[in-house]
């Protein structure tokens, strides 16, 4: 019964943790439209940088990846000064997430050396 309650509560949401090695570097949350044709929202948060939101509408394509790319394009080009994460890791994340070239967003991140874990 608890699994049914969980499925009902989160039926329109998916959440992911993005790892680089043993470090959690980002989170991605996706809010699906109820009817499937509406706007799909993606919330991308690189830890230490303000969260951003992007969206994709319509149908006939991978709205999840398009929404993630839309959000990632709003992330700053560079990490804040004094941030202790490797700038090259952030640059790889940005380049991968901003590209909307046919690969599913999490497959693209995996190929770029990240590990994407689904949390919800």
C-alpha atoms as a PDB file:
ATOM      1  CA  UNK A   1       0.000   0.000   0.000  1.00  0.00           C
ATOM      2  CA  UNK A   2       2.812   2.433   0.813  1.00  0.00           C
ATOM      3  CA  UNK A   3       4.230   1.919  -2.692  1.00  0.00           C
ATOM      4  CA  UNK A   4       0.880   2.848  -4.234  1.00  0.00           C
ATOM      5  CA  UNK A   5       0.752   5.989  -2.096  1.00  0.00           C
ATOM      6  CA  UNK A   6       4.289   6.916  -3.118  1.00  0.00           C
ATOM      7  CA  UNK A   7       3.544   6.303  -6.807  1.00  0.00           C
ATOM      8  CA  UNK A   8       0.411   8.481  -6.580  1.00  0.00           C
ATOM      9  CA  UNK A   9       2.203  11.292  -4.727  1.00  0.00           C
ATOM     10  CA  UNK A  10       5.092  11.449  -7.190  1.00  0.00           C
ATOM     11  CA  UNK A  11       3.407  10.339 -10.418  1.00  0.00           C
ATOM     12  CA  UNK A  12       4.185  13.618 -12.174  1.00  0.00           C
ATOM     13  CA  UNK A  13       7.744  14.056 -10.809  1.00  0.00           C
ATOM     14  CA  UNK A  14      11.154  12.443 -11.277  1.00  0.00           C
ATOM     15  CA  UNK A  15      14.273  13.424  -9.350  1.00  0.00           C
ATOM     16  CA  UNK A  16      17.912  12.576  -9.982  1.00  0.00           C
ATOM     17  CA  UNK A  17      21.244  13.002  -8.241  1.00  0.00           C
ATOM     18  CA  UNK A  18      24.266  13.649 -10.450  1.00  0.00           C
ATOM     19  CA  UNK A  19      27.571  12.313  -9.181  1.00  0.00           C
ATOM     20  CA  UNK A  20      31.120  12.864 -10.382  1.00  0.00           C
ATOM     21  CA  UNK A  21      33.216  10.160  -8.819  1.00  0.00           C
ATOM     22  CA  UNK A  22      32.200  10.035  -5.158  1.00  0.00           C
ATOM     23  CA  UNK A  23      30.975  13.640  -5.139  1.00  0.00           C
ATOM     24  CA  UNK A  24      27.369  14.745  -5.526  1.00  0.00           C
ATOM     25  CA  UNK A  25      27.629  17.708  -7.882  1.00  0.00           C
ATOM     26  CA  UNK A  26      24.076  18.394  -9.080  1.00  0.00           C
ATOM     27  CA  UNK A  27      20.418  17.474  -8.891  1.00  0.00           C
ATOM     28  CA  UNK A  28      17.801  17.394 -11.617  1.00  0.00           C
ATOM     29  CA  UNK A  29      14.047  17.337 -11.022  1.00  0.00           C
ATOM     30  CA  UNK A  30      11.495  16.907 -13.770  1.00  0.00           C
ATOM     31  CA  UNK A  31       7.814  17.869 -13.460  1.00  0.00           C
ATOM     32  CA  UNK A  32       5.659  16.181 -16.087  1.00  0.00           C
ATOM     33  CA  UNK A  33       2.458  17.714 -17.466  1.00  0.00           C
ATOM     34  CA  UNK A  34      -0.733  15.899 -16.509  1.00  0.00           C
ATOM     35  CA  UNK A  35      -1.952  15.602 -20.083  1.00  0.00           C
ATOM     36  CA  UNK A  36       1.396  14.787 -21.712  1.00  0.00           C
ATOM     37  CA  UNK A  37       1.086  17.617 -24.218  1.00  0.00           C
ATOM     38  CA  UNK A  38       1.596  20.528 -21.830  1.00  0.00           C
ATOM     39  CA  UNK A  39       4.817  22.054 -20.621  1.00  0.00           C
ATOM     40  CA  UNK A  40       7.378  19.782 -18.994  1.00  0.00           C
ATOM     41  CA  UNK A  41       9.583  21.608 -16.478  1.00  0.00           C
ATOM     42  CA  UNK A  42      13.152  20.751 -15.527  1.00  0.00           C
ATOM     43  CA  UNK A  43      14.893  22.100 -12.432  1.00  0.00           C
ATOM     44  CA  UNK A  44      18.688  21.856 -12.612  1.00  0.00           C
ATOM     45  CA  UNK A  45      20.821  22.626  -9.564  1.00  0.00           C
ATOM     46  CA  UNK A  46      24.598  22.533  -9.635  1.00  0.00           C
ATOM     47  CA  UNK A  47      25.500  22.624  -5.956  1.00  0.00           C
ATOM     48  CA  UNK A  48      26.830  26.050  -5.023  1.00  0.00           C
ATOM     49  CA  UNK A  49      25.018  27.833  -7.867  1.00  0.00           C
ATOM     50  CA  UNK A  50      21.379  28.999  -7.795  1.00  0.00           C
ATOM     51  CA  UNK A  51      18.873  26.492  -9.188  1.00  0.00           C
ATOM     52  CA  UNK A  52      17.473  27.184 -12.645  1.00  0.00           C
ATOM     53  CA  UNK A  53      14.303  26.092 -14.429  1.00  0.00           C
ATOM     54  CA  UNK A  54      13.681  25.319 -18.067  1.00  0.00           C
ATOM     55  CA  UNK A  55      10.750  23.909 -19.979  1.00  0.00           C
ATOM     56  CA  UNK A  56       9.701  22.225 -23.189  1.00  0.00           C
ATOM     57  CA  UNK A  57       6.237  21.959 -24.712  1.00  0.00           C
ATOM     58  CA  UNK A  58       4.546  20.180 -27.550  1.00  0.00           C
ATOM     59  CA  UNK A  59       5.213  16.606 -28.481  1.00  0.00           C
ATOM     60  CA  UNK A  60       7.001  14.241 -30.789  1.00  0.00           C
ATOM     61  CA  UNK A  61      10.451  14.673 -29.293  1.00  0.00           C
ATOM     62  CA  UNK A  62      12.393  14.162 -26.043  1.00  0.00           C
ATOM     63  CA  UNK A  63      10.925  16.939 -23.906  1.00  0.00           C
ATOM     64  CA  UNK A  64      12.964  15.893 -20.859  1.00  0.00           C
ATOM     65  CA  UNK A  65      16.280  16.525 -22.601  1.00  0.00           C
ATOM     66  CA  UNK A  66      15.007  19.723 -24.224  1.00  0.00           C
ATOM     67  CA  UNK A  67      13.814  21.057 -20.850  1.00  0.00           C
ATOM     68  CA  UNK A  68      17.140  20.133 -19.223  1.00  0.00           C
ATOM     69  CA  UNK A  69      19.024  21.943 -21.994  1.00  0.00           C
ATOM     70  CA  UNK A  70      16.734  24.953 -21.583  1.00  0.00           C
ATOM     71  CA  UNK A  71      17.483  25.065 -17.857  1.00  0.00           C
ATOM     72  CA  UNK A  72      21.233  24.471 -18.244  1.00  0.00           C
ATOM     73  CA  UNK A  73      21.492  27.412 -20.630  1.00  0.00           C
ATOM     74  CA  UNK A  74      20.494  29.615 -17.685  1.00  0.00           C
ATOM     75  CA  UNK A  75      23.372  28.414 -15.486  1.00  0.00           C
ATOM     76  CA  UNK A  76      26.306  30.823 -15.168  1.00  0.00           C
ATOM     77  CA  UNK A  77      29.260  30.277 -17.498  1.00  0.00           C
ATOM     78  CA  UNK A  78      31.688  30.038 -14.579  1.00  0.00           C
ATOM     79  CA  UNK A  79      31.511  28.945 -10.973  1.00  0.00           C
ATOM     80  CA  UNK A  80      31.510  31.618  -8.274  1.00  0.00           C
ATOM     81  CA  UNK A  81      34.938  32.709  -7.092  1.00  0.00           C
ATOM     82  CA  UNK A  82      36.190  30.598  -4.225  1.00  0.00           C
ATOM     83  CA  UNK A  83      34.076  27.619  -5.224  1.00  0.00           C
ATOM     84  CA  UNK A  84      36.090  24.484  -4.532  1.00  0.00           C
ATOM     85  CA  UNK A  85      34.752  22.249  -7.318  1.00  0.00           C
ATOM     86  CA  UNK A  86      36.878  21.644 -10.377  1.00  0.00           C
ATOM     87  CA  UNK A  87      36.036  24.167 -13.085  1.00  0.00           C
ATOM     88  CA  UNK A  88      36.624  21.556 -15.787  1.00  0.00           C
ATOM     89  CA  UNK A  89      33.973  19.274 -14.266  1.00  0.00           C
ATOM     90  CA  UNK A  90      31.466  22.124 -14.245  1.00  0.00           C
ATOM     91  CA  UNK A  91      32.387  23.031 -17.838  1.00  0.00           C
ATOM     92  CA  UNK A  92      31.813  19.402 -18.903  1.00  0.00           C
ATOM     93  CA  UNK A  93      28.444  19.389 -17.144  1.00  0.00           C
ATOM     94  CA  UNK A  94      27.411  22.642 -18.845  1.00  0.00           C
ATOM     95  CA  UNK A  95      28.501  21.529 -22.302  1.00  0.00           C
ATOM     96  CA  UNK A  96      26.742  18.198 -21.943  1.00  0.00           C
ATOM     97  CA  UNK A  97      23.499  19.512 -20.479  1.00  0.00           C
ATOM     98  CA  UNK A  98      23.243  22.442 -22.898  1.00  0.00           C
ATOM     99  CA  UNK A  99      23.626  20.229 -25.953  1.00  0.00           C
ATOM    100  CA  UNK A 100      20.321  18.965 -27.246  1.00  0.00           C
ATOM    101  CA  UNK A 101      21.712  16.722 -29.934  1.00  0.00           C
ATOM    102  CA  UNK A 102      19.620  13.573 -29.802  1.00  0.00           C
ATOM    103  CA  UNK A 103      20.990  11.739 -26.762  1.00  0.00           C
ATOM    104  CA  UNK A 104      18.828  11.458 -23.666  1.00  0.00           C
ATOM    105  CA  UNK A 105      20.174  13.954 -21.113  1.00  0.00           C
ATOM    106  CA  UNK A 106      21.188  11.300 -18.573  1.00  0.00           C
ATOM    107  CA  UNK A 107      22.842   9.085 -21.207  1.00  0.00           C
ATOM    108  CA  UNK A 108      24.832  12.110 -22.376  1.00  0.00           C
ATOM    109  CA  UNK A 109      25.927  12.877 -18.801  1.00  0.00           C
ATOM    110  CA  UNK A 110      26.935   9.251 -18.250  1.00  0.00           C
ATOM    111  CA  UNK A 111      29.043   9.300 -21.413  1.00  0.00           C
ATOM    112  CA  UNK A 112      30.675  12.508 -20.170  1.00  0.00           C
ATOM    113  CA  UNK A 113      31.853  10.763 -16.998  1.00  0.00           C
ATOM    114  CA  UNK A 114      29.010  11.522 -14.604  1.00  0.00           C
ATOM    115  CA  UNK A 115      26.806   9.016 -12.812  1.00  0.00           C
ATOM    116  CA  UNK A 116      23.068   9.775 -12.759  1.00  0.00           C
ATOM    117  CA  UNK A 117      21.068   8.162  -9.961  1.00  0.00           C
ATOM    118  CA  UNK A 118      17.284   8.302  -9.961  1.00  0.00           C
ATOM    119  CA  UNK A 119      15.976   9.273  -6.520  1.00  0.00           C
ATOM    120  CA  UNK A 120      12.234   9.531  -7.290  1.00  0.00           C
END
